[in-house]
Amino acid sequence: MTYDRYPDRLQGPMSHGQASTLRSLSIEAYQPKQFAEDLTAEEAARRIDALRQEIELANSF
C-alpha cells in the first residue's frame, strides 16, 4: 500500500477509527507495544497493515 496518495491526511494524528483498529490488532497479535496514542495517521496505517499481514500469516498455519 502506498501512503503518499493523501499526504495532508497522513501528516496529522491517527483517527479514532485507526486507534481502535490498531489497539485491537495489537492485542490480537500479542504485540501491545505496537499501539501508541501519539502516532501519526501514516505510522498507524503502516502498523495496521503490518499487524494484519502478521495475523493472516499466523492463521495460515
PDB file of N, CA and C in Angstrom:
ATOM      1  N   MET A   1       0.840  -1.174   0.000  1.00  0.00           N
ATOM      2  CA  MET A   1       0.000   0.000   0.000  1.00  0.00           C
ATOM      3  C   MET A   1       0.886   1.239   0.000  1.00  0.00           C
ATOM      4  N   THR A   2       0.502   2.230  -0.777  1.00  0.00           N
ATOM      5  CA  THR A   2       1.267   3.473  -0.790  1.00  0.00           C
ATOM      6  C   THR A   2       0.594   4.484   0.120  1.00  0.00           C
ATOM      7  N   TYR A   3       1.414   5.272   0.758  1.00  0.00           N
ATOM      8  CA  TYR A   3       0.895   6.226   1.732  1.00  0.00           C
ATOM      9  C   TYR A   3       1.071   7.661   1.278  1.00  0.00           C
ATOM     10  N   ASP A   4       1.527   7.870   0.051  1.00  0.00           N
ATOM     11  CA  ASP A   4       1.751   9.224  -0.434  1.00  0.00           C
ATOM     12  C   ASP A   4       0.569   9.770  -1.221  1.00  0.00           C
ATOM     13  N   ARG A   5      -0.508   9.029  -1.283  1.00  0.00           N
ATOM     14  CA  ARG A   5      -1.675   9.445  -2.053  1.00  0.00           C
ATOM     15  C   ARG A   5      -2.421  10.610  -1.401  1.00  0.00           C
ATOM     16  N   TYR A   6      -2.492  10.623  -0.099  1.00  0.00           N
ATOM     17  CA  TYR A   6      -3.187  11.673   0.644  1.00  0.00           C
ATOM     18  C   TYR A   6      -2.254  12.258   1.698  1.00  0.00           C
ATOM     19  N   PRO A   7      -1.225  12.975   1.299  1.00  0.00           N
ATOM     20  CA  PRO A   7      -0.208  13.420   2.263  1.00  0.00           C
ATOM     21  C   PRO A   7      -0.749  14.321   3.370  1.00  0.00           C
ATOM     22  N   ASP A   8      -1.757  15.144   3.084  1.00  0.00           N
ATOM     23  CA  ASP A   8      -2.286  16.044   4.109  1.00  0.00           C
ATOM     24  C   ASP A   8      -2.970  15.284   5.233  1.00  0.00           C
ATOM     25  N   ARG A   9      -3.674  14.234   4.897  1.00  0.00           N
ATOM     26  CA  ARG A   9      -4.365  13.444   5.917  1.00  0.00           C
ATOM     27  C   ARG A   9      -3.403  12.628   6.762  1.00  0.00           C
ATOM     28  N   LEU A  10      -2.310  12.218   6.164  1.00  0.00           N
ATOM     29  CA  LEU A  10      -1.401  11.315   6.852  1.00  0.00           C
ATOM     30  C   LEU A  10      -0.434  12.026   7.779  1.00  0.00           C
ATOM     31  N   GLN A  11      -0.298  13.322   7.647  1.00  0.00           N
ATOM     32  CA  GLN A  11       0.626  14.066   8.498  1.00  0.00           C
ATOM     33  C   GLN A  11       0.074  14.262   9.908  1.00  0.00           C
ATOM     34  N   GLY A  12      -1.233  14.304  10.037  1.00  0.00           N
ATOM     35  CA  GLY A  12      -1.846  14.567  11.333  1.00  0.00           C
ATOM     36  C   GLY A  12      -1.908  13.327  12.206  1.00  0.00           C
ATOM     37  N   PRO A  13      -2.517  13.477  13.363  1.00  0.00           N
ATOM     38  CA  PRO A  13      -2.627  12.343  14.286  1.00  0.00           C
ATOM     39  C   PRO A  13      -3.569  11.277  13.732  1.00  0.00           C
ATOM     40  N   MET A  14      -3.412  10.062  14.220  1.00  0.00           N
ATOM     41  CA  MET A  14      -4.286   8.982  13.756  1.00  0.00           C
ATOM     42  C   MET A  14      -5.719   9.269  14.177  1.00  0.00           C
ATOM     43  N   SER A  15      -6.651   8.739  13.403  1.00  0.00           N
ATOM     44  CA  SER A  15      -8.066   8.934  13.690  1.00  0.00           C
ATOM     45  C   SER A  15      -8.499   8.005  14.826  1.00  0.00           C
ATOM     46  N   HIS A  16      -9.698   8.246  15.319  1.00  0.00           N
ATOM     47  CA  HIS A  16     -10.233   7.381  16.376  1.00  0.00           C
ATOM     48  C   HIS A  16     -10.425   5.959  15.851  1.00  0.00           C
ATOM     49  N   GLY A  17     -10.842   5.853  14.598  1.00  0.00           N
ATOM     50  CA  GLY A  17     -11.014   4.538  13.990  1.00  0.00           C
ATOM     51  C   GLY A  17      -9.702   3.782  13.880  1.00  0.00           C
ATOM     52  N   GLN A  18      -8.652   4.500  13.470  1.00  0.00           N
ATOM     53  CA  GLN A  18      -7.332   3.875  13.392  1.00  0.00           C
ATOM     54  C   GLN A  18      -6.867   3.433  14.773  1.00  0.00           C
ATOM     55  N   ALA A  19      -7.089   4.275  15.765  1.00  0.00           N
ATOM     56  CA  ALA A  19      -6.660   3.937  17.127  1.00  0.00           C
ATOM     57  C   ALA A  19      -7.365   2.679  17.613  1.00  0.00           C
ATOM     58  N   SER A  20      -8.654   2.597  17.362  1.00  0.00           N
ATOM     59  CA  SER A  20      -9.421   1.429  17.780  1.00  0.00           C
ATOM     60  C   SER A  20      -8.947   0.166  17.062  1.00  0.00           C
ATOM     61  N   THR A  21      -8.756   0.273  15.751  1.00  0.00           N
ATOM     62  CA  THR A  21      -8.287  -0.867  14.965  1.00  0.00           C
ATOM     63  C   THR A  21      -6.900  -1.303  15.402  1.00  0.00           C
ATOM     64  N   LEU A  22      -6.010  -0.339  15.570  1.00  0.00           N
ATOM     65  CA  LEU A  22      -4.642  -0.656  15.956  1.00  0.00           C
ATOM     66  C   LEU A  22      -4.590  -1.295  17.338  1.00  0.00           C
ATOM     67  N   ARG A  23      -5.378  -0.790  18.259  1.00  0.00           N
ATOM     68  CA  ARG A  23      -5.414  -1.375  19.604  1.00  0.00           C
ATOM     69  C   ARG A  23      -5.890  -2.827  19.543  1.00  0.00           C
ATOM     70  N   SER A  24      -6.958  -3.074  18.806  1.00  0.00           N
ATOM     71  CA  SER A  24      -7.499  -4.436  18.691  1.00  0.00           C
ATOM     72  C   SER A  24      -6.514  -5.391  18.034  1.00  0.00           C
ATOM     73  N   LEU A  25      -5.906  -4.947  16.929  1.00  0.00           N
ATOM     74  CA  LEU A  25      -4.958  -5.803  16.223  1.00  0.00           C
ATOM     75  C   LEU A  25      -3.710  -6.072  17.052  1.00  0.00           C
ATOM     76  N   SER A  26      -3.248  -5.066  17.773  1.00  0.00           N
ATOM     77  CA  SER A  26      -2.040  -5.268  18.582  1.00  0.00           C
ATOM     78  C   SER A  26      -2.295  -6.272  19.704  1.00  0.00           C
ATOM     79  N   ILE A  27      -3.486  -6.261  20.250  1.00  0.00           N
ATOM     80  CA  ILE A  27      -3.846  -7.241  21.280  1.00  0.00           C
ATOM     81  C   ILE A  27      -3.974  -8.627  20.658  1.00  0.00           C
ATOM     82  N   GLU A  28      -4.638  -8.702  19.502  1.00  0.00           N
ATOM     83  CA  GLU A  28      -4.819  -9.993  18.828  1.00  0.00           C
ATOM     84  C   GLU A  28      -3.484 -10.620  18.432  1.00  0.00           C
ATOM     85  N   ALA A  29      -2.523  -9.778  18.044  1.00  0.00           N
ATOM     86  CA  ALA A  29      -1.206 -10.273  17.615  1.00  0.00           C
ATOM     87  C   ALA A  29      -0.239 -10.422  18.789  1.00  0.00           C
ATOM     88  N   TYR A  30      -0.720 -10.208  20.000  1.00  0.00           N
ATOM     89  CA  TYR A  30       0.126 -10.293  21.201  1.00  0.00           C
ATOM     90  C   TYR A  30       1.313  -9.329  21.124  1.00  0.00           C
ATOM     91  N   GLN A  31       1.050  -8.136  20.577  1.00  0.00           N
ATOM     92  CA  GLN A  31       2.080  -7.107  20.479  1.00  0.00           C
ATOM     93  C   GLN A  31       1.517  -5.762  20.947  1.00  0.00           C
ATOM     94  N   PRO A  32       1.161  -5.655  22.209  1.00  0.00           N
ATOM     95  CA  PRO A  32       0.529  -4.421  22.684  1.00  0.00           C
ATOM     96  C   PRO A  32       1.411  -3.185  22.553  1.00  0.00           C
ATOM     97  N   LYS A  33       2.719  -3.356  22.446  1.00  0.00           N
ATOM     98  CA  LYS A  33       3.606  -2.198  22.308  1.00  0.00           C
ATOM     99  C   LYS A  33       3.511  -1.555  20.926  1.00  0.00           C
ATOM    100  N   GLN A  34       2.834  -2.212  19.987  1.00  0.00           N
ATOM    101  CA  GLN A  34       2.635  -1.616  18.665  1.00  0.00           C
ATOM    102  C   GLN A  34       1.644  -0.459  18.722  1.00  0.00           C
ATOM    103  N   PHE A  35       0.840  -0.403  19.783  1.00  0.00           N
ATOM    104  CA  PHE A  35      -0.116   0.691  19.942  1.00  0.00           C
ATOM    105  C   PHE A  35       0.506   1.805  20.765  1.00  0.00           C
ATOM    106  N   ALA A  36       0.368   3.010  20.254  1.00  0.00           N
ATOM    107  CA  ALA A  36       0.770   4.212  20.982  1.00  0.00           C
ATOM    108  C   ALA A  36      -0.201   5.319  20.594  1.00  0.00           C
ATOM    109  N   GLU A  37      -0.613   6.109  21.539  1.00  0.00           N
ATOM    110  CA  GLU A  37      -1.626   7.126  21.278  1.00  0.00           C
ATOM    111  C   GLU A  37      -1.127   8.318  20.475  1.00  0.00           C
ATOM    112  N   ASP A  38       0.173   8.508  20.390  1.00  0.00           N
ATOM    113  CA  ASP A  38       0.707   9.699  19.727  1.00  0.00           C
ATOM    114  C   ASP A  38       1.199   9.449  18.301  1.00  0.00           C
ATOM    115  N   LEU A  39       0.713   8.415  17.647  1.00  0.00           N
ATOM    116  CA  LEU A  39       1.156   8.094  16.292  1.00  0.00           C
ATOM    117  C   LEU A  39       0.507   9.014  15.262  1.00  0.00           C
ATOM    118  N   THR A  40       1.217   9.210  14.150  1.00  0.00           N
ATOM    119  CA  THR A  40       0.613   9.916  13.022  1.00  0.00           C
ATOM    120  C   THR A  40      -0.301   8.935  12.300  1.00  0.00           C
ATOM    121  N   ALA A  41      -1.164   9.466  11.461  1.00  0.00           N
ATOM    122  CA  ALA A  41      -2.064   8.616  10.690  1.00  0.00           C
ATOM    123  C   ALA A  41      -1.271   7.684   9.780  1.00  0.00           C
ATOM    124  N   GLU A  42      -0.168   8.177   9.232  1.00  0.00           N
ATOM    125  CA  GLU A  42       0.663   7.361   8.342  1.00  0.00           C
ATOM    126  C   GLU A  42       1.292   6.187   9.089  1.00  0.00           C
ATOM    127  N   GLU A  43       1.868   6.453  10.245  1.00  0.00           N
ATOM    128  CA  GLU A  43       2.500   5.376  11.018  1.00  0.00           C
ATOM    129  C   GLU A  43       1.449   4.382  11.501  1.00  0.00           C
ATOM    130  N   ALA A  44       0.279   4.877  11.892  1.00  0.00           N
ATOM    131  CA  ALA A  44      -0.794   3.976  12.317  1.00  0.00           C
ATOM    132  C   ALA A  44      -1.216   3.072  11.161  1.00  0.00           C
ATOM    133  N   ALA A  45      -1.348   3.639   9.966  1.00  0.00           N
ATOM    134  CA  ALA A  45      -1.728   2.843   8.792  1.00  0.00           C
ATOM    135  C   ALA A  45      -0.683   1.770   8.508  1.00  0.00           C
ATOM    136  N   ARG A  46       0.572   2.113   8.621  1.00  0.00           N
ATOM    137  CA  ARG A  46       1.639   1.131   8.389  1.00  0.00           C
ATOM    138  C   ARG A  46       1.594   0.005   9.420  1.00  0.00           C
ATOM    139  N   ARG A  47       1.394   0.371  10.672  1.00  0.00           N
ATOM    140  CA  ARG A  47       1.347  -0.653  11.724  1.00  0.00           C
ATOM    141  C   ARG A  47       0.116  -1.541  11.569  1.00  0.00           C
ATOM    142  N   ILE A  48      -1.003  -0.954  11.193  1.00  0.00           N
ATOM    143  CA  ILE A  48      -2.223  -1.730  10.969  1.00  0.00           C
ATOM    144  C   ILE A  48      -1.993  -2.735   9.848  1.00  0.00           C
ATOM    145  N   ASP A  49      -1.419  -2.279   8.745  1.00  0.00           N
ATOM    146  CA  ASP A  49      -1.132  -3.186   7.623  1.00  0.00           C
ATOM    147  C   ASP A  49      -0.198  -4.312   8.050  1.00  0.00           C
ATOM    148  N   ALA A  50       0.854  -3.969   8.773  1.00  0.00           N
ATOM    149  CA  ALA A  50       1.832  -4.974   9.200  1.00  0.00           C
ATOM    150  C   ALA A  50       1.196  -5.998  10.143  1.00  0.00           C
ATOM    151  N   LEU A  51       0.389  -5.527  11.073  1.00  0.00           N
ATOM    152  CA  LEU A  51      -0.259  -6.448  12.012  1.00  0.00           C
ATOM    153  C   LEU A  51      -1.263  -7.347  11.300  1.00  0.00           C
ATOM    154  N   ARG A  52      -2.011  -6.788  10.352  1.00  0.00           N
ATOM    155  CA  ARG A  52      -2.959  -7.613   9.591  1.00  0.00           C
ATOM    156  C   ARG A  52      -2.227  -8.710   8.827  1.00  0.00           C
ATOM    157  N   GLN A  53      -1.110  -8.361   8.212  1.00  0.00           N
ATOM    158  CA  GLN A  53      -0.326  -9.354   7.473  1.00  0.00           C
ATOM    159  C   GLN A  53       0.214 -10.429   8.413  1.00  0.00           C
ATOM    160  N   GLU A  54       0.682 -10.007   9.569  1.00  0.00           N
ATOM    161  CA  GLU A  54       1.223 -10.961  10.538  1.00  0.00           C
ATOM    162  C   GLU A  54       0.142 -11.906  11.049  1.00  0.00           C
ATOM    163  N   ILE A  55      -1.028 -11.368  11.337  1.00  0.00           N
ATOM    164  CA  ILE A  55      -2.141 -12.191  11.815  1.00  0.00           C
ATOM    165  C   ILE A  55      -2.585 -13.156  10.718  1.00  0.00           C
ATOM    166  N   GLU A  56      -2.652 -12.669   9.483  1.00  0.00           N
ATOM    167  CA  GLU A  56      -3.026 -13.526   8.363  1.00  0.00           C
ATOM    168  C   GLU A  56      -2.026 -14.669   8.190  1.00  0.00           C
ATOM    169  N   LEU A  57      -0.751 -14.356   8.314  1.00  0.00           N
ATOM    170  CA  LEU A  57       0.282 -15.385   8.201  1.00  0.00           C
ATOM    171  C   LEU A  57       0.153 -16.411   9.327  1.00  0.00           C
ATOM    172  N   ALA A  58      -0.058 -15.939  10.539  1.00  0.00           N
ATOM    173  CA  ALA A  58      -0.191 -16.847  11.683  1.00  0.00           C
ATOM    174  C   ALA A  58      -1.416 -17.745  11.537  1.00  0.00           C
ATOM    175  N   ASN A  59      -2.486 -17.217  10.968  1.00  0.00           N
ATOM    176  CA  ASN A  59      -3.708 -18.002  10.795  1.00  0.00           C
ATOM    177  C   ASN A  59      -3.604 -19.013   9.661  1.00  0.00           C
ATOM    178  N   SER A  60      -2.586 -18.882   8.824  1.00  0.00           N
ATOM    179  CA  SER A  60      -2.452 -19.794   7.684  1.00  0.00           C
ATOM    180  C   SER A  60      -1.806 -21.125   8.066  1.00  0.00           C
ATOM    181  N   PHE A  61      -1.302 -21.232   9.281  1.00  0.00           N
ATOM    182  CA  PHE A  61      -0.640 -22.471   9.700  1.00  0.00           C
ATOM    183  C   PHE A  61      -1.616 -23.446  10.286  1.00  0.00           C
TER     184      PHE A  61
END
